[in-house]
Protein backbone atom coordinates (compact mmCIF):
# COMPACT_ATOMS: atom_id res chain seq x y z
CA UNK A 1 114.61 16.97 160.81
CA UNK A 2 115.50 16.70 157.13
CA UNK A 3 119.03 17.79 156.32
CA UNK A 4 119.85 18.53 152.68
CA UNK A 5 122.54 16.31 151.21
CA UNK A 6 122.14 17.23 147.58
CA UNK A 7 125.82 17.75 146.81
CA UNK A 8 128.71 16.03 148.61
CA UNK A 9 132.13 17.15 147.43
CA UNK A 10 135.29 15.10 147.98
CA UNK A 11 138.22 17.29 149.01
CA UNK A 12 141.75 15.79 149.25
CA UNK A 13 143.02 16.03 152.80
CA UNK A 14 146.58 16.39 151.56
CA UNK A 15 145.76 19.65 149.74
CA UNK A 16 145.72 22.45 152.31
CA UNK A 17 144.62 25.00 149.73
CA UNK A 18 141.62 22.86 148.76
CA UNK A 19 140.59 22.49 152.40
CA UNK A 20 140.70 26.27 152.80
CA UNK A 21 138.72 26.82 149.61
CA UNK A 22 136.07 24.35 150.79
CA UNK A 23 134.78 26.82 153.36
CA UNK A 24 133.27 28.96 150.60
CA UNK A 25 131.90 26.29 148.29
CA UNK A 26 128.11 25.82 148.16
CA UNK A 27 128.15 22.05 148.67
CA UNK A 28 125.80 20.70 151.33
CA UNK A 29 128.44 18.23 152.54
CA UNK A 30 132.24 18.38 152.36
CA UNK A 31 133.96 14.99 152.45
CA UNK A 32 137.53 15.51 153.63
CA UNK A 33 139.29 12.58 152.03
CA UNK A 34 142.03 10.28 153.28
CA UNK A 35 141.52 7.53 150.72
CA UNK A 36 141.66 7.63 146.91
CA UNK A 37 142.74 11.24 146.46
CA UNK A 38 145.66 10.93 148.91
CA UNK A 39 148.94 9.20 148.02
CA UNK A 40 150.26 6.57 150.47
CA UNK A 41 153.17 8.76 151.58
CA UNK A 42 150.80 11.70 152.22
CA UNK A 43 148.31 9.94 154.50
CA UNK A 44 149.81 11.26 157.75
CA UNK A 45 150.01 14.83 156.48
CA UNK A 46 146.42 14.61 155.23
CA UNK A 47 145.28 13.33 158.61
CA UNK A 48 146.90 16.26 160.41
CA UNK A 49 145.56 18.84 157.95
CA UNK A 50 142.01 17.52 158.18
CA UNK A 51 142.13 17.60 161.98
CA UNK A 52 143.39 21.20 161.88
CA UNK A 53 140.76 22.24 159.33
CA UNK A 54 137.88 20.80 161.40
CA UNK A 55 139.26 22.38 164.57
CA UNK A 56 139.53 25.77 162.85
CA UNK A 57 135.87 25.59 161.75
CA UNK A 58 134.39 28.24 159.51
CA UNK A 59 132.41 25.80 157.36
CA UNK A 60 129.06 27.40 158.16
CA UNK A 61 126.05 25.13 157.85
CA UNK A 62 127.90 22.64 155.66
CA UNK A 63 128.09 19.12 157.00
CA UNK A 64 131.63 17.78 157.39
CA UNK A 65 132.53 14.14 156.85
CA UNK A 66 135.87 12.37 156.88
CA UNK A 67 136.43 9.51 154.45
CA UNK A 68 138.81 7.05 156.03
CA UNK A 69 140.74 4.31 154.31
CA UNK A 70 139.12 0.86 154.32
CA UNK A 71 139.29 -1.49 157.28
CA UNK A 72 141.77 -3.81 155.56
CA UNK A 73 144.47 -1.12 155.28
CA UNK A 74 147.23 -0.18 157.69
CA UNK A 75 145.88 3.39 157.81
CA UNK A 76 142.39 2.66 159.12
CA UNK A 77 143.22 2.69 162.84
CA UNK A 78 144.96 6.07 162.70
CA UNK A 79 142.26 7.50 160.43
CA UNK A 80 139.40 6.64 162.76
CA UNK A 81 141.37 7.76 165.82
CA UNK A 82 141.83 11.19 164.24
CA UNK A 83 138.20 11.38 163.15
CA UNK A 84 136.97 10.39 166.58
CA UNK A 85 138.92 13.21 168.15
CA UNK A 86 138.18 15.80 165.44
CA UNK A 87 134.40 15.20 165.71
CA UNK A 88 133.15 15.61 162.14
CA UNK A 89 129.46 15.08 161.47
CA UNK A 90 130.17 11.72 159.92
CA UNK A 91 132.78 9.24 158.81
CA UNK A 92 132.52 7.60 155.41
CA UNK A 93 134.08 4.13 155.33
CA UNK A 94 135.01 2.54 151.98
CA UNK A 95 134.33 -1.04 150.94
CA UNK A 96 131.98 -2.01 153.76
CA UNK A 97 130.83 -5.51 152.81
CA UNK A 98 129.44 -7.16 155.93
CA UNK A 99 127.63 -6.56 159.19
CA UNK A 100 130.90 -7.63 160.84
CA UNK A 101 132.56 -4.61 159.20
CA UNK A 102 129.88 -2.31 160.62
CA UNK A 103 130.26 -3.84 164.06
CA UNK A 104 134.04 -3.40 163.88
CA UNK A 105 133.59 0.28 163.02
CA UNK A 106 131.13 0.78 165.86
CA UNK A 107 133.37 -1.06 168.32
CA UNK A 108 136.37 1.04 167.34
CA UNK A 109 134.48 4.31 167.70
CA UNK A 110 133.23 3.23 171.11
CA UNK A 111 136.71 2.17 172.20
CA UNK A 112 138.21 5.57 171.44
CA UNK A 113 135.30 7.39 173.09
CA UNK A 114 134.12 9.04 169.87
CA UNK A 115 131.24 11.45 170.41
CA UNK A 116 127.84 9.85 169.85
CA UNK A 117 126.95 12.55 167.31
CA UNK A 118 129.40 11.11 164.76
CA UNK A 119 127.41 9.07 162.23
CA UNK A 120 128.71 6.28 160.01
CA UNK A 121 128.13 6.17 156.25
CA UNK A 122 129.00 2.94 154.44
CA UNK A 123 130.33 2.92 150.90
CA UNK A 124 128.71 0.13 148.89
CA UNK A 125 131.52 -0.82 146.52
CA UNK A 126 131.57 -4.61 146.32
CA UNK A 127 129.38 -7.32 144.88
CA UNK A 128 128.97 -8.80 148.37
CA UNK A 129 127.76 -5.47 149.75
CA UNK A 130 125.09 -5.21 147.04
CA UNK A 131 123.95 -8.79 147.59
CA UNK A 132 123.72 -8.19 151.35
CA UNK A 133 122.37 -4.63 151.20
CA UNK A 134 119.29 -5.48 153.27
CA UNK A 135 121.36 -7.05 156.05
CA UNK A 136 123.76 -4.10 156.06
CA UNK A 137 120.92 -1.58 156.26
CA UNK A 138 119.22 -3.66 158.92
CA UNK A 139 122.31 -3.36 161.11
CA UNK A 140 121.26 0.26 161.71
CA UNK A 141 118.80 -1.11 164.28
CA UNK A 142 121.81 -1.60 166.54
CA UNK A 143 122.76 1.90 167.78
CA UNK A 144 126.35 0.74 168.14
CA UNK A 145 126.80 0.80 164.37
CA UNK A 146 125.79 4.49 164.13
CA UNK A 147 124.76 3.72 160.55
CA UNK A 148 123.01 6.63 158.81
CA UNK A 149 123.08 5.45 155.22
CA UNK A 150 124.92 4.26 152.12
CA UNK A 151 127.02 5.89 149.45
CA UNK A 152 126.82 3.86 146.25
CA UNK A 153 130.26 3.39 144.66
CA UNK A 154 129.83 2.53 140.96
CA UNK A 155 133.49 2.65 139.96
CA UNK A 156 134.69 -0.03 142.38
CA UNK A 157 131.61 -2.15 141.68
CA UNK A 158 132.37 -1.90 137.95
CA UNK A 159 135.97 -2.95 138.57
CA UNK A 160 134.96 -5.99 140.62
CA UNK A 161 131.97 -7.13 138.54
CA UNK A 162 133.33 -6.15 135.09
CA UNK A 163 130.08 -4.28 134.39
CA UNK A 164 130.96 -1.50 131.97
CA UNK A 165 130.30 2.08 133.01
CA UNK A 166 128.25 3.23 130.02
CA UNK A 167 126.04 6.34 129.70
CA UNK A 168 122.69 5.66 131.32
CA UNK A 169 124.08 2.96 133.64
CA UNK A 170 121.44 0.49 132.40
CA UNK A 171 123.38 -2.59 133.51
CA UNK A 172 123.85 -1.17 136.99
CA UNK A 173 120.28 -0.04 137.67
CA UNK A 174 119.19 -3.36 139.26
CA UNK A 175 122.06 -3.05 141.75
CA UNK A 176 121.23 0.59 142.46
CA UNK A 177 117.56 -0.23 142.99
CA UNK A 178 118.39 -3.05 145.39
CA UNK A 179 120.48 -0.72 147.53
CA UNK A 180 117.82 2.01 147.47
CA UNK A 181 115.11 -0.44 148.53
CA UNK A 182 117.30 -1.68 151.39
CA UNK A 183 117.89 1.81 152.75
CA UNK A 184 114.24 2.85 152.49
CA UNK A 185 113.10 -0.35 154.16
CA UNK A 186 115.20 0.60 157.18
CA UNK A 187 114.68 4.37 157.14
CA UNK A 188 118.17 5.29 155.92
CA UNK A 189 119.49 7.68 153.29
CA UNK A 190 121.42 6.76 150.16
CA UNK A 191 123.66 8.91 147.99
CA UNK A 192 124.80 8.41 144.43
CA UNK A 193 128.43 7.91 143.44
CA UNK A 194 130.55 10.38 141.48
CA UNK A 195 130.51 11.14 137.77
CA UNK A 196 134.14 10.99 136.70
CA UNK A 197 134.09 12.98 133.43
CA UNK A 198 133.72 16.40 135.05
CA UNK A 199 134.26 18.15 131.69
CA UNK A 200 131.07 16.55 130.31
CA UNK A 201 128.46 18.96 131.65
CA UNK A 202 125.50 17.42 129.82
CA UNK A 203 126.42 13.87 130.82
CA UNK A 204 126.74 14.92 134.44
CA UNK A 205 123.37 16.67 134.46
CA UNK A 206 121.70 13.63 132.90
CA UNK A 207 123.19 11.30 135.51
CA UNK A 208 122.17 13.67 138.33
CA UNK A 209 118.59 13.70 137.06
CA UNK A 210 118.64 9.92 136.70
CA UNK A 211 119.91 9.55 140.26
CA UNK A 212 117.20 11.85 141.59
CA UNK A 213 114.52 9.94 139.71
CA UNK A 214 115.86 6.58 140.94
CA UNK A 215 115.48 7.83 144.51
CA UNK A 216 118.94 8.94 145.61
CA UNK A 217 118.99 11.79 148.15
CA UNK A 218 122.00 13.47 146.55
CA UNK A 219 125.24 12.83 144.69
CA UNK A 220 128.92 12.71 145.58
CA UNK A 221 131.11 14.99 143.47
CA UNK A 222 134.77 15.16 142.49
CA UNK A 223 134.95 18.74 141.18
CA UNK A 224 133.63 22.06 142.55
CA UNK A 225 132.28 22.87 139.09
CA UNK A 226 129.65 20.17 139.55
CA UNK A 227 128.07 21.66 142.69
CA UNK A 228 125.72 24.23 141.18
CA UNK A 229 124.06 21.84 138.71
CA UNK A 230 123.79 19.11 141.33
CA UNK A 231 122.13 21.42 143.85
CA UNK A 232 119.66 22.64 141.24
CA UNK A 233 118.67 19.13 140.13
CA UNK A 234 118.18 17.79 143.67
CA UNK A 235 116.22 20.87 144.81
CA UNK A 236 112.43 20.60 144.35
CA UNK A 237 111.39 23.04 141.59
CA UNK A 238 109.09 25.94 142.40
CA UNK A 239 106.11 24.41 140.62
CA UNK A 240 106.48 21.16 142.55
CA UNK A 241 106.61 23.07 145.84
CA UNK A 242 103.54 25.10 144.89
CA UNK A 243 101.59 21.95 144.01
CA UNK A 244 102.68 20.30 147.27
CA UNK A 245 101.27 23.23 149.23
CA UNK A 246 98.06 22.99 147.22
CA UNK A 247 97.69 19.28 148.05
CA UNK A 248 98.20 19.88 151.77
CA UNK A 249 95.79 22.82 151.80
CA UNK A 250 93.13 20.74 150.06
CA UNK A 251 93.32 17.95 152.64
CA UNK A 252 93.15 20.49 155.45
CA UNK A 253 89.75 21.77 154.30
CA UNK A 254 86.99 20.76 156.78
CA UNK A 255 85.02 18.90 154.12
CA UNK A 256 88.05 16.67 153.37
CA UNK A 257 89.01 15.90 156.96
CA UNK A 258 87.69 12.34 156.86
CA UNK A 259 88.47 11.55 153.24
CA UNK A 260 91.23 9.21 152.12
CA UNK A 261 91.17 10.55 148.57
CA UNK A 262 89.98 13.77 146.96
CA UNK A 263 89.71 15.27 143.50
CA UNK A 264 92.21 18.03 142.74
CA UNK A 265 92.80 19.63 139.35
CA UNK A 266 91.02 16.78 137.61
CA UNK A 267 93.04 14.04 139.32
CA UNK A 268 92.48 11.72 142.26
CA UNK A 269 94.86 12.57 145.09
CA UNK A 270 95.30 10.28 148.09
CA UNK A 271 96.60 10.98 151.58
CA UNK A 272 99.90 9.33 150.65
CA UNK A 273 100.34 12.21 148.20
CA UNK A 274 99.90 14.63 151.09
CA UNK A 275 102.68 12.82 152.96
CA UNK A 276 104.91 13.12 149.89
CA UNK A 277 103.96 16.79 149.62
CA UNK A 278 105.00 17.43 153.22
CA UNK A 279 108.41 15.90 152.53
CA UNK A 280 108.82 18.06 149.42
CA UNK A 281 108.11 21.19 151.45
CA UNK A 282 110.39 20.05 154.27
CA UNK A 283 113.25 19.56 151.79
CA UNK A 284 112.61 22.95 150.20
CA UNK A 285 112.55 24.66 153.60
CA UNK A 286 115.76 22.89 154.66
CA UNK A 287 117.48 23.92 151.43
CA UNK A 288 116.40 27.53 151.96
CA UNK A 289 117.79 27.40 155.50
CA UNK A 290 121.21 26.42 154.12
CA UNK A 291 121.45 29.89 152.62
CA UNK A 292 123.61 29.05 149.62
């Protein structure tokens, strides 16, 4: 079943008011954060508040993830122990760079008896992770890793590689494409990183549209004001849905039952287009089922 992940909003676990507000925000996924948005001396409080928020529920059909700190920090063990007990839909782990990292995450979740429904999402934030994207995605074949997909992290990649974050991200597109190809080759999802200048509405919309066109399934966000535009851009437009239904209906006609390609509206349409059309409709139906 397709689950919409158009908009994924980071919410600081140390901010109790933000966690409460999250219940009414129209994001598809809420990422309750223990990493960048939480000061070192607030990690324990954030951990407790996230556990309480998940236990209290009230998030509706929104998916709930917990972003832990990275494996090389002193906080990781306590973070994953809390997440394993709280049972979010997923845990997002920063700076995953090797299959060994994924195995360590899977081993830890197994050791604490974490429910099998908890999925792992790996943040691709290092040069090594990009270079080894295929191997990382391939590790999903081992159920122990629980790997569901990647979240591309442009800011950390820019810091490590010294690639400048310029409008259009031209220098980073080869890296993005490599990660997208790796996930698709192994049947995983991939989500775009955040756009930091939340006051630049036009720049954000352009990057959302670029991410959609590159093949991302959705985008991580740092401000609630970005949700509406993100949802709109990653939702199939009405005309695209209508055309998808038209393609499917055409192939279902008795005279086209054995044909691999047909003529529709003056164009040649193949069965692969019918498969794409079915996905478009499935996404649209899933979005409608979210109800926000």
